[in-house]
Amino acid sequence: MEIILNDYHKKVNAEKLASMAYWMKHPLSRNESLRRLKLLREQRLASQSNW
């Protein structure tokens, strides 16, 4: 079975590759990574507590 990608999937894949290339060239510092993880945890807890 051959996989056929339409234009939308080709566009999304190109955007992902461009994003990955950017972040490989510009990695986050340890402190920035920890800050973002903390923020994500807080957001997750806030959204789960609303259920």
PDB file of N, CA and C in Angstrom:
ATOM      1  N   MET A   1       0.847  -1.185   0.000  1.00  0.00           N
ATOM      2  CA  MET A   1       0.000   0.000   0.000  1.00  0.00           C
ATOM      3  C   MET A   1       0.889   1.243   0.000  1.00  0.00           C
ATOM      4  N   GLU A   2       0.677   2.080  -0.948  1.00  0.00           N
ATOM      5  CA  GLU A   2       1.483   3.291  -1.082  1.00  0.00           C
ATOM      6  C   GLU A   2       0.828   4.442  -0.322  1.00  0.00           C
ATOM      7  N   ILE A   3       1.632   5.199   0.394  1.00  0.00           N
ATOM      8  CA  ILE A   3       1.122   6.349   1.139  1.00  0.00           C
ATOM      9  C   ILE A   3       1.128   7.562   0.214  1.00  0.00           C
ATOM     10  N   ILE A   4      -0.011   8.213   0.118  1.00  0.00           N
ATOM     11  CA  ILE A   4      -0.143   9.386  -0.733  1.00  0.00           C
ATOM     12  C   ILE A   4      -0.426  10.585   0.158  1.00  0.00           C
ATOM     13  N   LEU A   5       0.439  11.599   0.076  1.00  0.00           N
ATOM     14  CA  LEU A   5       0.264  12.809   0.868  1.00  0.00           C
ATOM     15  C   LEU A   5      -0.335  13.904  -0.001  1.00  0.00           C
ATOM     16  N   ASN A   6      -1.348  14.569   0.523  1.00  0.00           N
ATOM     17  CA  ASN A   6      -1.885  15.703  -0.222  1.00  0.00           C
ATOM     18  C   ASN A   6      -1.091  16.963   0.132  1.00  0.00           C
ATOM     19  N   ASP A   7      -1.466  18.077  -0.480  1.00  0.00           N
ATOM     20  CA  ASP A   7      -0.709  19.315  -0.293  1.00  0.00           C
ATOM     21  C   ASP A   7      -0.702  19.779   1.153  1.00  0.00           C
ATOM     22  N   TYR A   8      -1.812  19.562   1.868  1.00  0.00           N
ATOM     23  CA  TYR A   8      -1.879  19.970   3.269  1.00  0.00           C
ATOM     24  C   TYR A   8      -0.828  19.227   4.092  1.00  0.00           C
ATOM     25  N   HIS A   9      -0.737  17.909   3.918  1.00  0.00           N
ATOM     26  CA  HIS A   9       0.220  17.127   4.695  1.00  0.00           C
ATOM     27  C   HIS A   9       1.659  17.489   4.333  1.00  0.00           C
ATOM     28  N   LYS A  10       1.904  17.764   3.078  1.00  0.00           N
ATOM     29  CA  LYS A  10       3.247  18.188   2.672  1.00  0.00           C
ATOM     30  C   LYS A  10       3.612  19.509   3.332  1.00  0.00           C
ATOM     31  N   LYS A  11       2.640  20.434   3.408  1.00  0.00           N
ATOM     32  CA  LYS A  11       2.872  21.737   4.035  1.00  0.00           C
ATOM     33  C   LYS A  11       3.153  21.570   5.527  1.00  0.00           C
ATOM     34  N   VAL A  12       2.349  20.765   6.215  1.00  0.00           N
ATOM     35  CA  VAL A  12       2.522  20.551   7.648  1.00  0.00           C
ATOM     36  C   VAL A  12       3.873  19.896   7.930  1.00  0.00           C
ATOM     37  N   ASN A  13       4.243  18.902   7.134  1.00  0.00           N
ATOM     38  CA  ASN A  13       5.532  18.234   7.325  1.00  0.00           C
ATOM     39  C   ASN A  13       6.683  19.201   7.122  1.00  0.00           C
ATOM     40  N   ALA A  14       6.588  20.083   6.123  1.00  0.00           N
ATOM     41  CA  ALA A  14       7.639  21.068   5.880  1.00  0.00           C
ATOM     42  C   ALA A  14       7.750  22.038   7.056  1.00  0.00           C
ATOM     43  N   GLU A  15       6.609  22.449   7.615  1.00  0.00           N
ATOM     44  CA  GLU A  15       6.631  23.359   8.763  1.00  0.00           C
ATOM     45  C   GLU A  15       7.270  22.689   9.975  1.00  0.00           C
ATOM     46  N   LYS A  16       6.956  21.412  10.198  1.00  0.00           N
ATOM     47  CA  LYS A  16       7.551  20.687  11.324  1.00  0.00           C
ATOM     48  C   LYS A  16       9.057  20.575  11.166  1.00  0.00           C
ATOM     49  N   LEU A  17       9.500  20.247   9.957  1.00  0.00           N
ATOM     50  CA  LEU A  17      10.942  20.126   9.721  1.00  0.00           C
ATOM     51  C   LEU A  17      11.647  21.459   9.920  1.00  0.00           C
ATOM     52  N   ALA A  18      11.020  22.543   9.472  1.00  0.00           N
ATOM     53  CA  ALA A  18      11.612  23.868   9.655  1.00  0.00           C
ATOM     54  C   ALA A  18      11.700  24.214  11.134  1.00  0.00           C
ATOM     55  N   SER A  19      10.658  23.883  11.886  1.00  0.00           N
ATOM     56  CA  SER A  19      10.660  24.153  13.322  1.00  0.00           C
ATOM     57  C   SER A  19      11.745  23.337  14.029  1.00  0.00           C
ATOM     58  N   MET A  20      11.853  22.069  13.654  1.00  0.00           N
ATOM     59  CA  MET A  20      12.885  21.219  14.267  1.00  0.00           C
ATOM     60  C   MET A  20      14.279  21.746  13.954  1.00  0.00           C
ATOM     61  N   ALA A  21      14.499  22.188  12.728  1.00  0.00           N
ATOM     62  CA  ALA A  21      15.806  22.726  12.350  1.00  0.00           C
ATOM     63  C   ALA A  21      16.127  23.979  13.154  1.00  0.00           C
ATOM     64  N   TYR A  22      15.125  24.843  13.352  1.00  0.00           N
ATOM     65  CA  TYR A  22      15.338  26.065  14.121  1.00  0.00           C
ATOM     66  C   TYR A  22      15.748  25.734  15.553  1.00  0.00           C
ATOM     67  N   TRP A  23      15.000  24.828  16.209  1.00  0.00           N
ATOM     68  CA  TRP A  23      15.270  24.544  17.611  1.00  0.00           C
ATOM     69  C   TRP A  23      16.570  23.765  17.793  1.00  0.00           C
ATOM     70  N   MET A  24      17.006  23.028  16.773  1.00  0.00           N
ATOM     71  CA  MET A  24      18.304  22.360  16.873  1.00  0.00           C
ATOM     72  C   MET A  24      19.424  23.392  16.852  1.00  0.00           C
ATOM     73  N   LYS A  25      19.216  24.495  16.121  1.00  0.00           N
ATOM     74  CA  LYS A  25      20.222  25.563  16.051  1.00  0.00           C
ATOM     75  C   LYS A  25      20.145  26.504  17.240  1.00  0.00           C
ATOM     76  N   HIS A  26      18.956  26.588  17.886  1.00  0.00           N
ATOM     77  CA  HIS A  26      18.741  27.518  18.994  1.00  0.00           C
ATOM     78  C   HIS A  26      18.151  26.783  20.198  1.00  0.00           C
ATOM     79  N   PRO A  27      18.933  25.937  20.842  1.00  0.00           N
ATOM     80  CA  PRO A  27      18.387  25.196  21.982  1.00  0.00           C
ATOM     81  C   PRO A  27      18.106  26.128  23.169  1.00  0.00           C
ATOM     82  N   LEU A  28      17.125  25.731  23.970  1.00  0.00           N
ATOM     83  CA  LEU A  28      16.776  26.498  25.162  1.00  0.00           C
ATOM     84  C   LEU A  28      17.793  26.251  26.266  1.00  0.00           C
ATOM     85  N   SER A  29      17.970  27.254  27.100  1.00  0.00           N
ATOM     86  CA  SER A  29      18.825  27.068  28.269  1.00  0.00           C
ATOM     87  C   SER A  29      18.103  26.159  29.258  1.00  0.00           C
ATOM     88  N   ARG A  30      18.840  25.622  30.202  1.00  0.00           N
ATOM     89  CA  ARG A  30      18.241  24.737  31.204  1.00  0.00           C
ATOM     90  C   ARG A  30      17.182  25.467  32.006  1.00  0.00           C
ATOM     91  N   ASN A  31      17.480  26.707  32.395  1.00  0.00           N
ATOM     92  CA  ASN A  31      16.527  27.483  33.192  1.00  0.00           C
ATOM     93  C   ASN A  31      15.238  27.765  32.417  1.00  0.00           C
ATOM     94  N   GLU A  32      15.369  28.078  31.129  1.00  0.00           N
ATOM     95  CA  GLU A  32      14.187  28.350  30.316  1.00  0.00           C
ATOM     96  C   GLU A  32      13.362  27.076  30.134  1.00  0.00           C
ATOM     97  N   SER A  33      14.022  25.952  29.949  1.00  0.00           N
ATOM     98  CA  SER A  33      13.305  24.677  29.824  1.00  0.00           C
ATOM     99  C   SER A  33      12.528  24.369  31.096  1.00  0.00           C
ATOM    100  N   LEU A  34      13.164  24.549  32.244  1.00  0.00           N
ATOM    101  CA  LEU A  34      12.494  24.295  33.514  1.00  0.00           C
ATOM    102  C   LEU A  34      11.331  25.256  33.748  1.00  0.00           C
ATOM    103  N   ARG A  35      11.515  26.501  33.356  1.00  0.00           N
ATOM    104  CA  ARG A  35      10.451  27.494  33.507  1.00  0.00           C
ATOM    105  C   ARG A  35       9.233  27.096  32.674  1.00  0.00           C
ATOM    106  N   ARG A  36       9.476  26.655  31.436  1.00  0.00           N
ATOM    107  CA  ARG A  36       8.365  26.256  30.563  1.00  0.00           C
ATOM    108  C   ARG A  36       7.674  24.990  31.077  1.00  0.00           C
ATOM    109  N   LEU A  37       8.444  24.048  31.598  1.00  0.00           N
ATOM    110  CA  LEU A  37       7.839  22.841  32.156  1.00  0.00           C
ATOM    111  C   LEU A  37       6.958  23.176  33.355  1.00  0.00           C
ATOM    112  N   LYS A  38       7.441  24.078  34.204  1.00  0.00           N
ATOM    113  CA  LYS A  38       6.664  24.493  35.365  1.00  0.00           C
ATOM    114  C   LYS A  38       5.360  25.148  34.927  1.00  0.00           C
ATOM    115  N   LEU A  39       5.425  26.008  33.919  1.00  0.00           N
ATOM    116  CA  LEU A  39       4.236  26.672  33.405  1.00  0.00           C
ATOM    117  C   LEU A  39       3.249  25.660  32.834  1.00  0.00           C
ATOM    118  N   LEU A  40       3.748  24.680  32.087  1.00  0.00           N
ATOM    119  CA  LEU A  40       2.869  23.648  31.524  1.00  0.00           C
ATOM    120  C   LEU A  40       2.189  22.834  32.618  1.00  0.00           C
ATOM    121  N   ARG A  41       2.933  22.493  33.666  1.00  0.00           N
ATOM    122  CA  ARG A  41       2.347  21.746  34.784  1.00  0.00           C
ATOM    123  C   ARG A  41       1.235  22.546  35.448  1.00  0.00           C
ATOM    124  N   GLU A  42       1.490  23.849  35.659  1.00  0.00           N
ATOM    125  CA  GLU A  42       0.485  24.698  36.278  1.00  0.00           C
ATOM    126  C   GLU A  42      -0.769  24.792  35.416  1.00  0.00           C
ATOM    127  N   GLN A  43      -0.584  24.919  34.099  1.00  0.00           N
ATOM    128  CA  GLN A  43      -1.727  24.994  33.187  1.00  0.00           C
ATOM    129  C   GLN A  43      -2.510  23.686  33.189  1.00  0.00           C
ATOM    130  N   ARG A  44      -1.801  22.559  33.210  1.00  0.00           N
ATOM    131  CA  ARG A  44      -2.475  21.254  33.228  1.00  0.00           C
ATOM    132  C   ARG A  44      -3.281  21.090  34.507  1.00  0.00           C
ATOM    133  N   LEU A  45      -2.682  21.440  35.646  1.00  0.00           N
ATOM    134  CA  LEU A  45      -3.405  21.336  36.918  1.00  0.00           C
ATOM    135  C   LEU A  45      -4.640  22.226  36.932  1.00  0.00           C
ATOM    136  N   ALA A  46      -4.509  23.425  36.377  1.00  0.00           N
ATOM    137  CA  ALA A  46      -5.638  24.351  36.352  1.00  0.00           C
ATOM    138  C   ALA A  46      -6.760  23.799  35.481  1.00  0.00           C
ATOM    139  N   SER A  47      -6.417  23.238  34.350  1.00  0.00           N
ATOM    140  CA  SER A  47      -7.469  22.719  33.461  1.00  0.00           C
ATOM    141  C   SER A  47      -8.087  21.453  34.025  1.00  0.00           C
ATOM    142  N   GLN A  48      -7.311  20.617  34.708  1.00  0.00           N
ATOM    143  CA  GLN A  48      -7.859  19.382  35.277  1.00  0.00           C
ATOM    144  C   GLN A  48      -8.707  19.669  36.506  1.00  0.00           C
ATOM    145  N   SER A  49      -8.401  20.724  37.230  1.00  0.00           N
ATOM    146  CA  SER A  49      -9.180  21.022  38.423  1.00  0.00           C
ATOM    147  C   SER A  49     -10.555  21.583  38.074  1.00  0.00           C
ATOM    148  N   ASN A  50     -10.734  22.022  36.823  1.00  0.00           N
ATOM    149  CA  ASN A  50     -12.023  22.572  36.400  1.00  0.00           C
ATOM    150  C   ASN A  50     -13.026  21.466  36.090  1.00  0.00           C
ATOM    151  N   TRP A  51     -12.602  20.239  35.977  1.00  0.00           N
ATOM    152  CA  TRP A  51     -13.531  19.145  35.641  1.00  0.00           C
ATOM    153  C   TRP A  51     -14.308  18.833  36.838  1.00  0.00           C
TER     154      TRP A  51
END
